[in-house]
C-alpha atoms as a PDB file:
ATOM      1  CA  MET A   1       0.050  -0.100   0.151  1.00  0.00           C
ATOM      2  CA  LEU A   2       0.838   3.732  -0.435  1.00  0.00           C
ATOM      3  CA  HIS A   3       1.325   4.636   2.834  1.00  0.00           C
ATOM      4  CA  LYS A   4       3.730   2.070   3.437  1.00  0.00           C
ATOM      5  CA  LEU A   5       6.416   4.002   0.969  1.00  0.00           C
ATOM      6  CA  ILE A   6       6.572   6.785   3.325  1.00  0.00           C
ATOM      7  CA  ARG A   7      10.205   7.408   4.881  1.00  0.00           C
ATOM      8  CA  ARG A   8      10.842   8.756   8.328  1.00  0.00           C
ATOM      9  CA  LYS A   9      14.336   9.691   9.640  1.00  0.00           C
ATOM     10  CA  PRO A  10      15.723   6.618  10.198  1.00  0.00           C
ATOM     11  CA  GLU A  11      17.612   6.133  13.818  1.00  0.00           C
ATOM     12  CA  ARG A  12      21.446   6.640  12.607  1.00  0.00           C
ATOM     13  CA  GLN A  13      24.434   7.291  15.146  1.00  0.00           C
ATOM     14  CA  LYS A  14      25.683  10.778  15.913  1.00  0.00           C
ATOM     15  CA  GLN A  15      27.374  12.587  12.655  1.00  0.00           C
ATOM     16  CA  THR A  16      28.332  16.260  11.810  1.00  0.00           C
ATOM     17  CA  LEU A  17      26.670  17.337   8.404  1.00  0.00           C
ATOM     18  CA  GLU A  18      29.887  17.271   7.045  1.00  0.00           C
ATOM     19  CA  GLU A  19      30.474  13.700   7.907  1.00  0.00           C
ATOM     20  CA  ARG A  20      27.269  12.271   6.029  1.00  0.00           C
ATOM     21  CA  ILE A  21      28.214  14.901   3.340  1.00  0.00           C
ATOM     22  CA  SER A  22      31.549  12.934   2.669  1.00  0.00           C
ATOM     23  CA  HIS A  23      29.544   9.655   3.257  1.00  0.00           C
ATOM     24  CA  SER A  24      27.192  10.349   0.302  1.00  0.00           C
ATOM     25  CA  LYS A  25      30.060  11.774  -2.128  1.00  0.00           C
ATOM     26  CA  ASN A  26      31.780   8.193  -1.639  1.00  0.00           C
ATOM     27  CA  GLU A  27      28.684   5.870  -3.216  1.00  0.00           C
ATOM     28  CA  HIS A  28      26.409   6.691  -6.101  1.00  0.00           C
ATOM     29  CA  ILE A  29      24.982  10.001  -5.953  1.00  0.00           C
ATOM     30  CA  PRO A  30      21.483  10.390  -8.030  1.00  0.00           C
ATOM     31  CA  SER A  31      22.218  13.087 -11.450  1.00  0.00           C
ATOM     32  CA  HIS A  32      18.633  14.253 -11.128  1.00  0.00           C
ATOM     33  CA  ILE A  33      16.035  15.010  -8.220  1.00  0.00           C
ATOM     34  CA  ALA A  34      13.121  16.182  -8.305  1.00  0.00           C
ATOM     35  CA  ILE A  35      11.040  18.002  -5.119  1.00  0.00           C
ATOM     36  CA  ILE A  36       7.430  18.648  -4.587  1.00  0.00           C
ATOM     37  CA  MET A  37       7.392  20.960  -1.740  1.00  0.00           C
ATOM     38  CA  ASP A  38       4.590  20.741   0.052  1.00  0.00           C
ATOM     39  CA  GLY A  39       3.842  21.867   3.117  1.00  0.00           C
ATOM     40  CA  ASN A  40       3.690  25.877   3.215  1.00  0.00           C
ATOM     41  CA  GLY A  41       1.072  26.391   4.195  1.00  0.00           C
ATOM     42  CA  ARG A  42       0.811  23.800   7.008  1.00  0.00           C
ATOM     43  CA  TRP A  43       3.454  25.620   8.414  1.00  0.00           C
ATOM     44  CA  ALA A  44       2.213  28.672   8.459  1.00  0.00           C
ATOM     45  CA  LYS A  45      -1.027  27.423   9.875  1.00  0.00           C
ATOM     46  CA  LYS A  46       0.920  25.160  12.794  1.00  0.00           C
ATOM     47  CA  ARG A  47       2.276  29.116  13.524  1.00  0.00           C
ATOM     48  CA  ALA A  48      -1.061  31.288  13.100  1.00  0.00           C
ATOM     49  CA  LEU A  49       0.930  32.829  10.305  1.00  0.00           C
ATOM     50  CA  PRO A  50      -0.939  33.872   7.437  1.00  0.00           C
ATOM     51  CA  ARG A  51       0.096  31.229   4.608  1.00  0.00           C
ATOM     52  CA  VAL A  52       2.151  33.459   2.897  1.00  0.00           C
ATOM     53  CA  ALA A  53       4.205  33.276   5.509  1.00  0.00           C
ATOM     54  CA  GLY A  54       4.895  29.631   4.944  1.00  0.00           C
ATOM     55  CA  HIS A  55       5.685  29.949   0.847  1.00  0.00           C
ATOM     56  CA  HIS A  56       8.351  32.908   1.994  1.00  0.00           C
ATOM     57  CA  GLU A  57       9.707  30.334   4.681  1.00  0.00           C
ATOM     58  CA  GLY A  58      10.304  27.648   2.317  1.00  0.00           C
ATOM     59  CA  MET A  59      12.351  30.064  -0.636  1.00  0.00           C
ATOM     60  CA  LYS A  60      14.535  29.614   2.006  1.00  0.00           C
ATOM     61  CA  THR A  61      14.047  26.233   2.109  1.00  0.00           C
ATOM     62  CA  VAL A  62      14.865  26.007  -1.863  1.00  0.00           C
ATOM     63  CA  ARG A  63      18.089  28.239  -1.238  1.00  0.00           C
ATOM     64  CA  LYS A  64      19.693  25.292   1.271  1.00  0.00           C
ATOM     65  CA  ILE A  65      19.126  22.580  -0.189  1.00  0.00           C
ATOM     66  CA  THR A  66      20.243  23.657  -3.743  1.00  0.00           C
ATOM     67  CA  ARG A  67      23.169  24.309  -2.246  1.00  0.00           C
ATOM     68  CA  LEU A  68      23.477  21.145  -0.639  1.00  0.00           C
ATOM     69  CA  ALA A  69      22.841  19.477  -3.880  1.00  0.00           C
ATOM     70  CA  ASN A  70      25.479  20.934  -5.458  1.00  0.00           C
ATOM     71  CA  ASP A  71      27.803  20.415  -3.421  1.00  0.00           C
ATOM     72  CA  LEU A  72      27.276  16.529  -3.385  1.00  0.00           C
ATOM     73  CA  GLY A  73      27.633  16.636  -7.183  1.00  0.00           C
ATOM     74  CA  VAL A  74      23.816  16.369  -8.302  1.00  0.00           C
ATOM     75  CA  ARG A  75      23.416  17.411 -11.664  1.00  0.00           C
ATOM     76  CA  ALA A  76      20.072  18.650 -12.203  1.00  0.00           C
ATOM     77  CA  LEU A  77      17.404  19.761  -9.480  1.00  0.00           C
ATOM     78  CA  THR A  78      13.866  19.907 -10.037  1.00  0.00           C
ATOM     79  CA  VAL A  79      11.556  22.173  -7.834  1.00  0.00           C
ATOM     80  CA  TYR A  80       7.383  22.128  -8.306  1.00  0.00           C
ATOM     81  CA  ALA A  81       7.029  26.026  -7.545  1.00  0.00           C
ATOM     82  CA  PHE A  82       3.816  26.904  -9.171  1.00  0.00           C
ATOM     83  CA  SER A  83       0.897  24.408 -10.791  1.00  0.00           C
ATOM     84  CA  THR A  84      -0.853  24.824 -13.082  1.00  0.00           C
ATOM     85  CA  GLU A  85      -3.820  24.114 -10.942  1.00  0.00           C
ATOM     86  CA  ASN A  86      -2.616  26.218  -8.011  1.00  0.00           C
ATOM     87  CA  TRP A  87      -4.470  29.543 -10.031  1.00  0.00           C
ATOM     88  CA  LYS A  88      -7.314  28.506  -8.322  1.00  0.00           C
ATOM     89  CA  ARG A  89      -5.656  29.471  -5.035  1.00  0.00           C
ATOM     90  CA  PRO A  90      -6.898  33.565  -3.458  1.00  0.00           C
ATOM     91  CA  LYS A  91      -5.577  35.692  -5.816  1.00  0.00           C
ATOM     92  CA  LEU A  92      -4.151  37.259  -2.760  1.00  0.00           C
ATOM     93  CA  GLU A  93      -1.929  34.157  -2.298  1.00  0.00           C
ATOM     94  CA  VAL A  94      -1.284  33.483  -6.400  1.00  0.00           C
ATOM     95  CA  ASP A  95       0.054  37.361  -6.387  1.00  0.00           C
ATOM     96  CA  PHE A  96       2.282  36.720  -3.706  1.00  0.00           C
ATOM     97  CA  ILE A  97       3.594  33.525  -5.222  1.00  0.00           C
ATOM     98  CA  MET A  98       4.075  35.538  -8.452  1.00  0.00           C
ATOM     99  CA  ARG A  99       6.980  37.685  -6.855  1.00  0.00           C
ATOM    100  CA  LEU A 100       8.855  34.725  -5.024  1.00  0.00           C
ATOM    101  CA  PRO A 101      11.022  34.287  -8.083  1.00  0.00           C
ATOM    102  CA  GLU A 102      12.147  37.789  -7.721  1.00  0.00           C
ATOM    103  CA  GLU A 103      13.198  38.229  -4.871  1.00  0.00           C
ATOM    104  CA  PHE A 104      14.772  34.634  -5.041  1.00  0.00           C
ATOM    105  CA  LEU A 105      16.695  35.874  -7.392  1.00  0.00           C
ATOM    106  CA  GLY A 106      17.699  39.311  -6.979  1.00  0.00           C
ATOM    107  CA  LYS A 107      18.847  38.113  -3.394  1.00  0.00           C
ATOM    108  CA  TYR A 108      20.734  34.802  -4.320  1.00  0.00           C
ATOM    109  CA  LEU A 109      21.334  35.163  -8.020  1.00  0.00           C
ATOM    110  CA  PRO A 110      24.969  36.564  -7.189  1.00  0.00           C
ATOM    111  CA  GLU A 111      25.454  33.169  -4.890  1.00  0.00           C
ATOM    112  CA  LEU A 112      23.882  30.784  -7.709  1.00  0.00           C
ATOM    113  CA  ILE A 113      26.260  32.734 -10.400  1.00  0.00           C
ATOM    114  CA  GLU A 114      28.903  32.084  -8.102  1.00  0.00           C
ATOM    115  CA  GLN A 115      28.612  28.464  -7.474  1.00  0.00           C
ATOM    116  CA  ASN A 116      28.402  27.680 -11.241  1.00  0.00           C
ATOM    117  CA  VAL A 117      24.448  27.084 -11.239  1.00  0.00           C
ATOM    118  CA  LYS A 118      22.349  27.251 -13.589  1.00  0.00           C
ATOM    119  CA  VAL A 119      19.043  28.682 -13.913  1.00  0.00           C
ATOM    120  CA  VAL A 120      16.042  27.214 -15.697  1.00  0.00           C
ATOM    121  CA  MET A 121      12.189  26.957 -16.444  1.00  0.00           C
ATOM    122  CA  MET A 122       9.661  24.409 -17.424  1.00  0.00           C
ATOM    123  CA  GLY A 123       6.185  25.646 -17.774  1.00  0.00           C
ATOM    124  CA  GLU A 124       3.775  27.659 -19.539  1.00  0.00           C
ATOM    125  CA  ASN A 125       5.835  30.926 -19.560  1.00  0.00           C
ATOM    126  CA  GLU A 126       4.050  33.331 -21.212  1.00  0.00           C
ATOM    127  CA  THR A 127       1.334  33.135 -18.932  1.00  0.00           C
ATOM    128  CA  LEU A 128       3.038  34.313 -15.839  1.00  0.00           C
ATOM    129  CA  PRO A 129       3.322  38.002 -15.187  1.00  0.00           C
ATOM    130  CA  LYS A 130       5.437  40.606 -16.466  1.00  0.00           C
ATOM    131  CA  HIS A 131       7.980  41.097 -13.337  1.00  0.00           C
ATOM    132  CA  THR A 132       7.995  36.799 -13.320  1.00  0.00           C
ATOM    133  CA  GLN A 133       8.776  36.661 -16.613  1.00  0.00           C
ATOM    134  CA  GLU A 134      11.560  39.171 -16.412  1.00  0.00           C
ATOM    135  CA  ALA A 135      12.900  37.789 -13.405  1.00  0.00           C
ATOM    136  CA  VAL A 136      13.476  34.617 -14.866  1.00  0.00           C
ATOM    137  CA  ARG A 137      14.718  35.775 -17.681  1.00  0.00           C
ATOM    138  CA  LYS A 138      17.225  37.538 -16.300  1.00  0.00           C
ATOM    139  CA  ALA A 139      18.147  34.744 -14.301  1.00  0.00           C
ATOM    140  CA  MET A 140      18.566  31.879 -17.321  1.00  0.00           C
ATOM    141  CA  GLU A 141      20.200  34.465 -19.092  1.00  0.00           C
ATOM    142  CA  GLN A 142      23.404  35.322 -16.412  1.00  0.00           C
ATOM    143  CA  THR A 143      23.434  32.306 -15.891  1.00  0.00           C
ATOM    144  CA  LYS A 144      22.876  29.819 -18.981  1.00  0.00           C
ATOM    145  CA  GLU A 145      27.068  29.679 -19.721  1.00  0.00           C
ATOM    146  CA  ASN A 146      27.282  27.438 -16.335  1.00  0.00           C
ATOM    147  CA  THR A 147      28.349  24.060 -16.360  1.00  0.00           C
ATOM    148  CA  GLY A 148      27.723  23.340 -12.348  1.00  0.00           C
ATOM    149  CA  LEU A 149      24.141  22.425 -10.827  1.00  0.00           C
ATOM    150  CA  VAL A 150      20.819  22.933 -13.188  1.00  0.00           C
ATOM    151  CA  LEU A 151      18.340  24.795 -10.709  1.00  0.00           C
ATOM    152  CA  ASN A 152      14.957  23.735 -12.856  1.00  0.00           C
ATOM    153  CA  PHE A 153      12.171  25.295 -11.797  1.00  0.00           C
ATOM    154  CA  ALA A 154       8.745  24.050 -12.559  1.00  0.00           C
ATOM    155  CA  LEU A 155       6.454  27.038 -12.703  1.00  0.00           C
ATOM    156  CA  ASN A 156       3.438  27.267 -14.137  1.00  0.00           C
ATOM    157  CA  TYR A 157       3.907  23.735 -15.252  1.00  0.00           C
ATOM    158  CA  GLY A 158       1.176  20.634 -15.494  1.00  0.00           C
ATOM    159  CA  SER A 159       2.246  17.312 -17.532  1.00  0.00           C
ATOM    160  CA  ARG A 160      -0.608  16.714 -18.514  1.00  0.00           C
ATOM    161  CA  ALA A 161      -0.696  19.583 -20.845  1.00  0.00           C
ATOM    162  CA  GLU A 162       2.697  19.200 -21.101  1.00  0.00           C
ATOM    163  CA  ILE A 163       2.419  15.828 -22.605  1.00  0.00           C
ATOM    164  CA  ALA A 164      -0.531  17.253 -24.901  1.00  0.00           C
ATOM    165  CA  GLN A 165       2.015  19.687 -26.514  1.00  0.00           C
ATOM    166  CA  ALA A 166       3.923  17.344 -26.841  1.00  0.00           C
ATOM    167  CA  MET A 167       1.458  15.138 -28.605  1.00  0.00           C
ATOM    168  CA  GLN A 168       0.599  18.152 -30.961  1.00  0.00           C
ATOM    169  CA  LYS A 169       4.205  19.127 -31.670  1.00  0.00           C
ATOM    170  CA  ILE A 170       4.511  15.684 -34.046  1.00  0.00           C
ATOM    171  CA  SER A 171       1.648  15.668 -35.386  1.00  0.00           C
ATOM    172  CA  GLN A 172       1.921  18.235 -36.905  1.00  0.00           C
ATOM    173  CA  GLN A 173       4.954  16.617 -38.484  1.00  0.00           C
ATOM    174  CA  ILE A 174       3.583  14.121 -39.082  1.00  0.00           C
ATOM    175  CA  GLN A 175       0.779  15.880 -41.038  1.00  0.00           C
ATOM    176  CA  LEU A 176       3.619  18.241 -42.853  1.00  0.00           C
ATOM    177  CA  GLY A 177       5.099  15.456 -44.091  1.00  0.00           C
ATOM    178  CA  THR A 178       8.118  15.773 -42.146  1.00  0.00           C
ATOM    179  CA  LEU A 179       7.795  12.783 -39.975  1.00  0.00           C
ATOM    180  CA  ASP A 180       6.284   9.736 -40.290  1.00  0.00           C
ATOM    181  CA  TYR A 181       4.266   7.928 -37.633  1.00  0.00           C
ATOM    182  CA  THR A 182       6.264   4.493 -37.516  1.00  0.00           C
ATOM    183  CA  GLU A 183       8.780   6.724 -36.183  1.00  0.00           C
ATOM    184  CA  VAL A 184       6.912   8.227 -33.007  1.00  0.00           C
ATOM    185  CA  ASN A 185       8.722   6.164 -30.176  1.00  0.00           C
ATOM    186  CA  GLU A 186       9.367   6.911 -26.673  1.00  0.00           C
ATOM    187  CA  ASP A 187      13.064   8.904 -27.499  1.00  0.00           C
ATOM    188  CA  LEU A 188      11.058  11.106 -29.605  1.00  0.00           C
ATOM    189  CA  ILE A 189       8.278  11.959 -27.400  1.00  0.00           C
ATOM    190  CA  SER A 190      11.103  13.024 -24.167  1.00  0.00           C
ATOM    191  CA  GLN A 191      12.852  14.834 -27.213  1.00  0.00           C
ATOM    192  CA  HIS A 192       9.301  17.049 -27.435  1.00  0.00           C
ATOM    193  CA  LEU A 193       8.905  17.363 -23.702  1.00  0.00           C
ATOM    194  CA  MET A 194      10.241  20.666 -21.296  1.00  0.00           C
ATOM    195  CA  THR A 195      12.685  18.266 -19.735  1.00  0.00           C
ATOM    196  CA  CYS A 196      14.082  17.398 -23.339  1.00  0.00           C
ATOM    197  CA  ASP A 197      17.878  18.645 -22.170  1.00  0.00           C
ATOM    198  CA  LEU A 198      17.623  17.006 -18.674  1.00  0.00           C
ATOM    199  CA  PRO A 199      17.808  12.961 -18.036  1.00  0.00           C
ATOM    200  CA  ASP A 200      15.085  11.923 -16.123  1.00  0.00           C
ATOM    201  CA  PRO A 201      15.010  11.982 -12.546  1.00  0.00           C
ATOM    202  CA  ASP A 202      16.671   9.259 -10.152  1.00  0.00           C
ATOM    203  CA  LEU A 203      14.901  10.641  -7.128  1.00  0.00           C
ATOM    204  CA  LEU A 204      11.421  11.915  -6.272  1.00  0.00           C
ATOM    205  CA  ILE A 205      10.690  13.813  -3.457  1.00  0.00           C
ATOM    206  CA  ARG A 206       7.536  14.678  -1.758  1.00  0.00           C
ATOM    207  CA  THR A 207       7.260  16.572   1.496  1.00  0.00           C
ATOM    208  CA  SER A 208       4.496  17.036   4.344  1.00  0.00           C
ATOM    209  CA  GLY A 209       3.075  13.713   3.784  1.00  0.00           C
ATOM    210  CA  GLU A 210       0.798  13.457   1.189  1.00  0.00           C
ATOM    211  CA  VAL A 211       1.620  10.489  -1.199  1.00  0.00           C
ATOM    212  CA  ARG A 212       0.484  11.543  -5.022  1.00  0.00           C
ATOM    213  CA  LEU A 213       2.307  13.052  -8.160  1.00  0.00           C
ATOM    214  CA  SER A 214       0.219  15.810  -8.100  1.00  0.00           C
ATOM    215  CA  ASN A 215       0.227  16.023 -12.312  1.00  0.00           C
ATOM    216  CA  PHE A 216       4.279  16.485 -12.019  1.00  0.00           C
ATOM    217  CA  MET A 217       6.810  14.815 -14.500  1.00  0.00           C
ATOM    218  CA  LEU A 218       4.520  11.668 -15.411  1.00  0.00           C
ATOM    219  CA  TRP A 219       6.725  11.081 -18.562  1.00  0.00           C
ATOM    220  CA  GLN A 220       9.575  11.191 -17.094  1.00  0.00           C
ATOM    221  CA  LEU A 221       8.550   9.423 -12.921  1.00  0.00           C
ATOM    222  CA  ALA A 222       8.590   6.248 -14.974  1.00  0.00           C
ATOM    223  CA  TYR A 223      11.367   4.509 -12.950  1.00  0.00           C
ATOM    224  CA  THR A 224      12.528   7.118 -11.191  1.00  0.00           C
ATOM    225  CA  GLU A 225      12.667   6.359  -6.869  1.00  0.00           C
ATOM    226  CA  PHE A 226       9.918   7.856  -4.565  1.00  0.00           C
ATOM    227  CA  TRP A 227      10.965   9.273  -1.563  1.00  0.00           C
ATOM    228  CA  PHE A 228       7.820  10.690   1.235  1.00  0.00           C
ATOM    229  CA  THR A 229       7.878  12.145   4.077  1.00  0.00           C
ATOM    230  CA  ASP A 230       5.910  14.214   6.666  1.00  0.00           C
ATOM    231  CA  THR A 231       8.423  17.079   6.984  1.00  0.00           C
ATOM    232  CA  LEU A 232       6.877  20.219   6.090  1.00  0.00           C
ATOM    233  CA  TRP A 233       8.925  21.873   3.038  1.00  0.00           C
ATOM    234  CA  PRO A 234       9.917  25.254   5.271  1.00  0.00           C
ATOM    235  CA  ASP A 235      11.607  21.837   8.243  1.00  0.00           C
ATOM    236  CA  PHE A 236      13.096  20.133   5.646  1.00  0.00           C
ATOM    237  CA  ASP A 237      17.024  20.814   5.929  1.00  0.00           C
ATOM    238  CA  GLU A 238      20.453  19.722   4.994  1.00  0.00           C
ATOM    239  CA  ASP A 239      19.437  16.018   6.604  1.00  0.00           C
ATOM    240  CA  CYS A 240      16.707  15.548   5.360  1.00  0.00           C
ATOM    241  CA  LEU A 241      17.815  15.470   1.591  1.00  0.00           C
ATOM    242  CA  LEU A 242      20.650  13.301   3.044  1.00  0.00           C
ATOM    243  CA  ASP A 243      18.299  10.587   4.708  1.00  0.00           C
ATOM    244  CA  ALA A 244      16.656  10.879   0.680  1.00  0.00           C
ATOM    245  CA  VAL A 245      19.502   9.826  -1.186  1.00  0.00           C
ATOM    246  CA  GLU A 246      21.034   7.373   1.554  1.00  0.00           C
ATOM    247  CA  SER A 247      17.621   5.741   0.740  1.00  0.00           C
ATOM    248  CA  TYR A 248      18.121   6.122  -3.044  1.00  0.00           C
ATOM    249  CA  GLN A 249      21.873   4.573  -1.914  1.00  0.00           C
ATOM    250  CA  LYS A 250      20.193   1.378  -0.399  1.00  0.00           C
ATOM    251  CA  ARG A 251      18.300   0.760  -3.267  1.00  0.00           C
ATOM    252  CA  ASN A 252      18.075  -1.461  -6.113  1.00  0.00           C
ATOM    253  CA  ARG A 253      17.284   0.082  -9.231  1.00  0.00           C
ATOM    254  CA  ARG A 254      15.768  -2.881 -11.893  1.00  0.00           C
ATOM    255  CA  TYR A 255      13.970  -1.131 -14.354  1.00  0.00           C
ATOM    256  CA  GLY A 256      12.018  -3.980 -14.690  1.00  0.00           C
ATOM    257  CA  GLY A 257      14.104  -6.073 -15.288  1.00  0.00           C
ATOM    258  CA  LEU A 258      16.687  -7.918 -12.505  1.00  0.00           C
ATOM    259  CA  LYS A 259      20.100  -7.287 -11.111  1.00  0.00           C
ATOM    260  CA  GLY A 260      22.796  -9.254  -8.935  1.00  0.00           C
ATOM    261  CA  GLU A 261      21.880 -12.562  -7.005  1.00  0.00           C
ATOM    262  CA  GLU A 262      18.260 -12.579  -8.539  1.00  0.00           C
ATOM    263  CA  THR A 263      19.565 -13.205 -11.990  1.00  0.00           C
ATOM    264  CA  ASN A 264      20.667 -16.374 -10.348  1.00  0.00           C
END
């Protein structure tokens, strides 16, 4: 059952953060980590604060986790910042969230540049407020030559819409005669998705205890390892990320086949 997939912090001998990082680096690091950042509103409610306070605190967590992921040698970090369904939320909350990329990148872009992080975005950019578009555009332009961690913001993103758009593009090529329907395969579809320049995620993390994908990277997560935690996103710290990475490193990824002693 799904609830059995939830991973809570295991008991472990006391180690410093530096020791845990060093140990993890000696094992296989996931190339691409995707995170559904959930629980900002509940974090604020527990403290009798407005929901926007949780979103603001969650922004600080993005910085913290980006720094550690980069240090670990993760090649790509995709964070689910705003879904196409999130427009249904109260206008005040949506307006606040739409200001967060501007604040985050305004504060931390110099640091991201210094750390060789490349900022990219996937989602429907055209329908975002102009100030949000400009903040993201500026960050992408100033980091486009960086060769370190790719920080991918899923902003105004919905996976079903992404797949539908990919099908439309492929259908148009077939209609124009530049593509034959027999050439349509998994690789071709992947090339038409918003993540065409990224590998599929190795590890998906969802915070706050919810166990669902919420229309996030449905195609790309086909063979991804899932890790769920009750921790609310603003409380998600370096130890939490290392818990997820260490759990991933203990797993035997079979991709539908068999490995090791299972083949004997």
